[in-house]
């Protein structure tokens, strides 16, 4: 069955608004009915997971195994193409849980190669990653970046239960402003 037939059936049986949303996303799925996806398509035949949307709605970051390793990819929804992230992904680490600032200048993520991940922030302008939790002995998960890129919030088990912590990167960082 083609995606159009499936969407039409969902539209008739369930919610009219859901059908509209599915049709709106249909353009992102590339050549679904041919069994392959176009190179510029956001989806692939590999595992793509843990999506994060930028504050302006233009970018999606996600973890993908499409290149044989777990890595973070950034996709521009407006122009429908992937954005290079030099210096972000390494074959020696497992990257996970991306979070984006407003215009995707900053990408917060967890990465590690010895079982316990650290919290990193990647700056697309400088093309560098910085570890924010070096020496932090506790488990961390679920990072979330503020729209301007200054604050990060995450879960930690420091007190023997899951708690919330906030990192202030300081007033001296260059903020990800609404105008880009």
C-alpha atoms as a PDB file:
ATOM      1  CA  UNK A   1       0.000   0.000   0.000  1.00  0.00           C
ATOM      2  CA  UNK A   2       1.282   3.460  -0.796  1.00  0.00           C
ATOM      3  CA  UNK A   3       1.688   6.130   1.906  1.00  0.00           C
ATOM      4  CA  UNK A   4      -1.103   8.167   0.268  1.00  0.00           C
ATOM      5  CA  UNK A   5      -3.605   5.321   0.707  1.00  0.00           C
ATOM      6  CA  UNK A   6      -2.535   4.808   4.328  1.00  0.00           C
ATOM      7  CA  UNK A   7      -2.863   8.533   5.076  1.00  0.00           C
ATOM      8  CA  UNK A   8      -6.307   8.618   3.442  1.00  0.00           C
ATOM      9  CA  UNK A   9      -7.437   5.663   5.586  1.00  0.00           C
ATOM     10  CA  UNK A  10      -6.140   7.301   8.762  1.00  0.00           C
ATOM     11  CA  UNK A  11      -7.858  10.535   7.808  1.00  0.00           C
ATOM     12  CA  UNK A  12     -11.213   8.802   7.336  1.00  0.00           C
ATOM     13  CA  UNK A  13     -11.004   6.567  10.401  1.00  0.00           C
ATOM     14  CA  UNK A  14      -9.361   8.737  13.010  1.00  0.00           C
ATOM     15  CA  UNK A  15      -8.748  12.451  13.189  1.00  0.00           C
ATOM     16  CA  UNK A  16      -8.992  14.803  10.235  1.00  0.00           C
ATOM     17  CA  UNK A  17      -6.247  16.977  11.744  1.00  0.00           C
ATOM     18  CA  UNK A  18      -3.943  13.960  12.113  1.00  0.00           C
ATOM     19  CA  UNK A  19      -4.260  13.242   8.406  1.00  0.00           C
ATOM     20  CA  UNK A  20      -3.276  16.818   7.637  1.00  0.00           C
ATOM     21  CA  UNK A  21      -0.193  16.530   9.853  1.00  0.00           C
ATOM     22  CA  UNK A  22       0.815  13.248   8.235  1.00  0.00           C
ATOM     23  CA  UNK A  23       0.429  14.716   4.767  1.00  0.00           C
ATOM     24  CA  UNK A  24       2.488  17.718   5.859  1.00  0.00           C
ATOM     25  CA  UNK A  25       5.292  15.393   6.950  1.00  0.00           C
ATOM     26  CA  UNK A  26       5.004  13.264   3.824  1.00  0.00           C
ATOM     27  CA  UNK A  27       7.466  15.486   1.983  1.00  0.00           C
ATOM     28  CA  UNK A  28      10.128  14.649   4.544  1.00  0.00           C
ATOM     29  CA  UNK A  29       9.833  10.946   3.876  1.00  0.00           C
ATOM     30  CA  UNK A  30      11.390  11.037   0.430  1.00  0.00           C
ATOM     31  CA  UNK A  31      10.661   8.047  -1.769  1.00  0.00           C
ATOM     32  CA  UNK A  32       8.684   5.915   0.699  1.00  0.00           C
ATOM     33  CA  UNK A  33       6.597   4.181  -1.889  1.00  0.00           C
ATOM     34  CA  UNK A  34       9.696   3.081  -3.818  1.00  0.00           C
ATOM     35  CA  UNK A  35      11.205   1.428  -0.727  1.00  0.00           C
ATOM     36  CA  UNK A  36      14.224   3.754  -0.627  1.00  0.00           C
ATOM     37  CA  UNK A  37      14.766   7.227   0.683  1.00  0.00           C
ATOM     38  CA  UNK A  38      16.359  10.119  -1.144  1.00  0.00           C
ATOM     39  CA  UNK A  39      19.807  11.261   0.108  1.00  0.00           C
ATOM     40  CA  UNK A  40      18.325  14.559   1.295  1.00  0.00           C
ATOM     41  CA  UNK A  41      15.548  12.842   3.244  1.00  0.00           C
ATOM     42  CA  UNK A  42      15.558  13.119   7.007  1.00  0.00           C
ATOM     43  CA  UNK A  43      14.600   9.452   7.439  1.00  0.00           C
ATOM     44  CA  UNK A  44      16.628   6.413   6.476  1.00  0.00           C
ATOM     45  CA  UNK A  45      16.547   2.644   6.679  1.00  0.00           C
ATOM     46  CA  UNK A  46      18.843   2.872   9.714  1.00  0.00           C
ATOM     47  CA  UNK A  47      17.945   3.650  13.312  1.00  0.00           C
ATOM     48  CA  UNK A  48      17.223   7.365  13.729  1.00  0.00           C
ATOM     49  CA  UNK A  49      16.114   8.362  17.231  1.00  0.00           C
ATOM     50  CA  UNK A  50      16.072  10.956  20.018  1.00  0.00           C
ATOM     51  CA  UNK A  51      14.978  13.940  17.890  1.00  0.00           C
ATOM     52  CA  UNK A  52      15.304  17.502  19.157  1.00  0.00           C
ATOM     53  CA  UNK A  53      13.799  20.563  17.476  1.00  0.00           C
ATOM     54  CA  UNK A  54      15.434  23.986  17.516  1.00  0.00           C
ATOM     55  CA  UNK A  55      13.522  26.863  19.095  1.00  0.00           C
ATOM     56  CA  UNK A  56      12.842  28.454  15.717  1.00  0.00           C
ATOM     57  CA  UNK A  57      11.543  25.152  14.299  1.00  0.00           C
ATOM     58  CA  UNK A  58      14.036  25.117  11.420  1.00  0.00           C
ATOM     59  CA  UNK A  59      16.462  22.405  12.578  1.00  0.00           C
ATOM     60  CA  UNK A  60      16.171  18.848  13.861  1.00  0.00           C
ATOM     61  CA  UNK A  61      19.076  17.087  15.577  1.00  0.00           C
ATOM     62  CA  UNK A  62      18.901  13.351  16.157  1.00  0.00           C
ATOM     63  CA  UNK A  63      21.013  10.291  16.820  1.00  0.00           C
ATOM     64  CA  UNK A  64      21.549   8.061  13.805  1.00  0.00           C
ATOM     65  CA  UNK A  65      23.375   4.844  13.042  1.00  0.00           C
ATOM     66  CA  UNK A  66      23.316   5.413   9.285  1.00  0.00           C
ATOM     67  CA  UNK A  67      27.127   5.675   9.008  1.00  0.00           C
ATOM     68  CA  UNK A  68      27.825   2.539  11.034  1.00  0.00           C
ATOM     69  CA  UNK A  69      28.302   4.387  14.337  1.00  0.00           C
ATOM     70  CA  UNK A  70      26.036   6.261  16.700  1.00  0.00           C
ATOM     71  CA  UNK A  71      26.325   9.941  15.820  1.00  0.00           C
ATOM     72  CA  UNK A  72      24.385  13.177  15.992  1.00  0.00           C
ATOM     73  CA  UNK A  73      23.086  14.573  12.716  1.00  0.00           C
ATOM     74  CA  UNK A  74      21.584  18.014  12.081  1.00  0.00           C
ATOM     75  CA  UNK A  75      18.915  18.505   9.426  1.00  0.00           C
ATOM     76  CA  UNK A  76      17.636  21.840   8.104  1.00  0.00           C
ATOM     77  CA  UNK A  77      13.885  21.419   7.583  1.00  0.00           C
ATOM     78  CA  UNK A  78      13.609  24.631   5.567  1.00  0.00           C
ATOM     79  CA  UNK A  79      16.050  23.631   2.812  1.00  0.00           C
ATOM     80  CA  UNK A  80      15.734  19.863   3.417  1.00  0.00           C
ATOM     81  CA  UNK A  81      19.386  19.024   3.761  1.00  0.00           C
ATOM     82  CA  UNK A  82      21.875  17.873   6.349  1.00  0.00           C
ATOM     83  CA  UNK A  83      24.257  20.359   7.954  1.00  0.00           C
ATOM     84  CA  UNK A  84      27.903  19.359   8.440  1.00  0.00           C
ATOM     85  CA  UNK A  85      29.046  19.197  12.063  1.00  0.00           C
ATOM     86  CA  UNK A  86      32.853  19.037  11.863  1.00  0.00           C
ATOM     87  CA  UNK A  87      34.433  18.143  15.185  1.00  0.00           C
ATOM     88  CA  UNK A  88      31.227  16.893  16.827  1.00  0.00           C
ATOM     89  CA  UNK A  89      31.108  13.166  16.199  1.00  0.00           C
ATOM     90  CA  UNK A  90      33.918  10.794  17.022  1.00  0.00           C
ATOM     91  CA  UNK A  91      34.282   7.110  16.220  1.00  0.00           C
ATOM     92  CA  UNK A  92      35.521   6.585  19.797  1.00  0.00           C
ATOM     93  CA  UNK A  93      32.399   7.833  21.586  1.00  0.00           C
ATOM     94  CA  UNK A  94      28.668   7.197  21.639  1.00  0.00           C
ATOM     95  CA  UNK A  95      26.695  10.426  21.257  1.00  0.00           C
ATOM     96  CA  UNK A  96      23.114  10.665  22.498  1.00  0.00           C
ATOM     97  CA  UNK A  97      20.301  12.953  23.668  1.00  0.00           C
ATOM     98  CA  UNK A  98      20.898  16.101  21.580  1.00  0.00           C
ATOM     99  CA  UNK A  99      19.262  19.385  22.545  1.00  0.00           C
ATOM    100  CA  UNK A 100      19.323  22.526  20.382  1.00  0.00           C
ATOM    101  CA  UNK A 101      19.444  26.239  21.048  1.00  0.00           C
ATOM    102  CA  UNK A 102      17.080  28.597  19.223  1.00  0.00           C
ATOM    103  CA  UNK A 103      18.888  28.658  15.844  1.00  0.00           C
ATOM    104  CA  UNK A 104      20.859  25.434  16.429  1.00  0.00           C
ATOM    105  CA  UNK A 105      24.087  27.328  16.980  1.00  0.00           C
ATOM    106  CA  UNK A 106      24.627  25.259  20.130  1.00  0.00           C
ATOM    107  CA  UNK A 107      24.017  21.527  20.455  1.00  0.00           C
ATOM    108  CA  UNK A 108      24.098  20.008  23.937  1.00  0.00           C
ATOM    109  CA  UNK A 109      24.546  16.247  24.061  1.00  0.00           C
ATOM    110  CA  UNK A 110      25.779  13.323  26.117  1.00  0.00           C
ATOM    111  CA  UNK A 111      28.802  11.348  24.943  1.00  0.00           C
ATOM    112  CA  UNK A 112      31.123   8.835  26.474  1.00  0.00           C
ATOM    113  CA  UNK A 113      33.422   5.967  25.727  1.00  0.00           C
ATOM    114  CA  UNK A 114      33.824   4.426  29.167  1.00  0.00           C
ATOM    115  CA  UNK A 115      30.236   3.683  30.124  1.00  0.00           C
ATOM    116  CA  UNK A 116      29.365   6.953  31.900  1.00  0.00           C
ATOM    117  CA  UNK A 117      28.578   9.794  29.527  1.00  0.00           C
ATOM    118  CA  UNK A 118      29.628  13.394  30.032  1.00  0.00           C
ATOM    119  CA  UNK A 119      27.638  16.485  29.032  1.00  0.00           C
ATOM    120  CA  UNK A 120      29.080  18.380  26.068  1.00  0.00           C
ATOM    121  CA  UNK A 121      28.138  21.499  24.173  1.00  0.00           C
ATOM    122  CA  UNK A 122      29.047  21.972  20.517  1.00  0.00           C
ATOM    123  CA  UNK A 123      29.272  25.435  18.935  1.00  0.00           C
ATOM    124  CA  UNK A 124      28.585  25.383  15.189  1.00  0.00           C
ATOM    125  CA  UNK A 125      30.374  28.725  14.737  1.00  0.00           C
ATOM    126  CA  UNK A 126      33.683  27.618  16.290  1.00  0.00           C
ATOM    127  CA  UNK A 127      33.126  23.942  15.312  1.00  0.00           C
ATOM    128  CA  UNK A 128      34.315  22.818  18.737  1.00  0.00           C
ATOM    129  CA  UNK A 129      32.857  20.706  21.517  1.00  0.00           C
ATOM    130  CA  UNK A 130      33.423  21.502  25.175  1.00  0.00           C
ATOM    131  CA  UNK A 131      32.904  19.020  28.009  1.00  0.00           C
ATOM    132  CA  UNK A 132      30.835  20.574  30.805  1.00  0.00           C
ATOM    133  CA  UNK A 133      30.867  17.728  33.328  1.00  0.00           C
ATOM    134  CA  UNK A 134      34.498  16.590  33.301  1.00  0.00           C
ATOM    135  CA  UNK A 135      35.220  14.870  36.602  1.00  0.00           C
ATOM    136  CA  UNK A 136      31.534  14.696  37.491  1.00  0.00           C
ATOM    137  CA  UNK A 137      31.168  11.330  39.224  1.00  0.00           C
ATOM    138  CA  UNK A 138      27.420  10.820  38.991  1.00  0.00           C
ATOM    139  CA  UNK A 139      25.187   9.586  36.206  1.00  0.00           C
ATOM    140  CA  UNK A 140      23.539  12.278  34.108  1.00  0.00           C
ATOM    141  CA  UNK A 141      20.764  12.053  31.543  1.00  0.00           C
ATOM    142  CA  UNK A 142      18.203  14.083  29.574  1.00  0.00           C
ATOM    143  CA  UNK A 143      20.062  17.350  28.883  1.00  0.00           C
ATOM    144  CA  UNK A 144      18.028  20.325  27.718  1.00  0.00           C
ATOM    145  CA  UNK A 145      19.492  23.576  26.437  1.00  0.00           C
ATOM    146  CA  UNK A 146      17.904  27.012  26.877  1.00  0.00           C
ATOM    147  CA  UNK A 147      16.963  28.804  23.640  1.00  0.00           C
ATOM    148  CA  UNK A 148      19.837  31.287  23.979  1.00  0.00           C
ATOM    149  CA  UNK A 149      22.359  28.522  24.800  1.00  0.00           C
ATOM    150  CA  UNK A 150      23.406  29.899  28.167  1.00  0.00           C
ATOM    151  CA  UNK A 151      21.713  27.394  30.495  1.00  0.00           C
ATOM    152  CA  UNK A 152      21.620  23.607  30.494  1.00  0.00           C
ATOM    153  CA  UNK A 153      19.381  21.502  32.660  1.00  0.00           C
ATOM    154  CA  UNK A 154      19.768  17.761  33.187  1.00  0.00           C
ATOM    155  CA  UNK A 155      18.881  14.894  35.502  1.00  0.00           C
ATOM    156  CA  UNK A 156      21.448  13.522  37.955  1.00  0.00           C
ATOM    157  CA  UNK A 157      21.539  10.746  40.532  1.00  0.00           C
ATOM    158  CA  UNK A 158      23.956  12.588  42.831  1.00  0.00           C
ATOM    159  CA  UNK A 159      21.773  12.223  45.929  1.00  0.00           C
ATOM    160  CA  UNK A 160      20.772   8.619  45.248  1.00  0.00           C
ATOM    161  CA  UNK A 161      17.608   9.679  43.433  1.00  0.00           C
ATOM    162  CA  UNK A 162      16.946  11.523  40.195  1.00  0.00           C
ATOM    163  CA  UNK A 163      17.215  15.277  40.710  1.00  0.00           C
ATOM    164  CA  UNK A 164      17.438  18.281  38.397  1.00  0.00           C
ATOM    165  CA  UNK A 165      20.587  20.394  38.054  1.00  0.00           C
ATOM    166  CA  UNK A 166      21.240  23.546  36.049  1.00  0.00           C
ATOM    167  CA  UNK A 167      24.523  24.708  34.544  1.00  0.00           C
ATOM    168  CA  UNK A 168      24.943  28.427  33.834  1.00  0.00           C
ATOM    169  CA  UNK A 169      27.592  28.777  31.131  1.00  0.00           C
ATOM    170  CA  UNK A 170      28.119  32.390  32.216  1.00  0.00           C
ATOM    171  CA  UNK A 171      27.410  35.871  30.992  1.00  0.00           C
ATOM    172  CA  UNK A 172      30.478  35.903  28.719  1.00  0.00           C
ATOM    173  CA  UNK A 173      29.239  33.360  26.178  1.00  0.00           C
ATOM    174  CA  UNK A 174      27.879  34.561  22.856  1.00  0.00           C
ATOM    175  CA  UNK A 175      24.146  33.941  22.986  1.00  0.00           C
ATOM    176  CA  UNK A 176      22.086  32.354  20.225  1.00  0.00           C
ATOM    177  CA  UNK A 177      19.832  35.339  19.553  1.00  0.00           C
ATOM    178  CA  UNK A 178      16.431  35.264  17.819  1.00  0.00           C
ATOM    179  CA  UNK A 179      17.729  37.096  14.749  1.00  0.00           C
ATOM    180  CA  UNK A 180      20.484  34.491  14.342  1.00  0.00           C
END
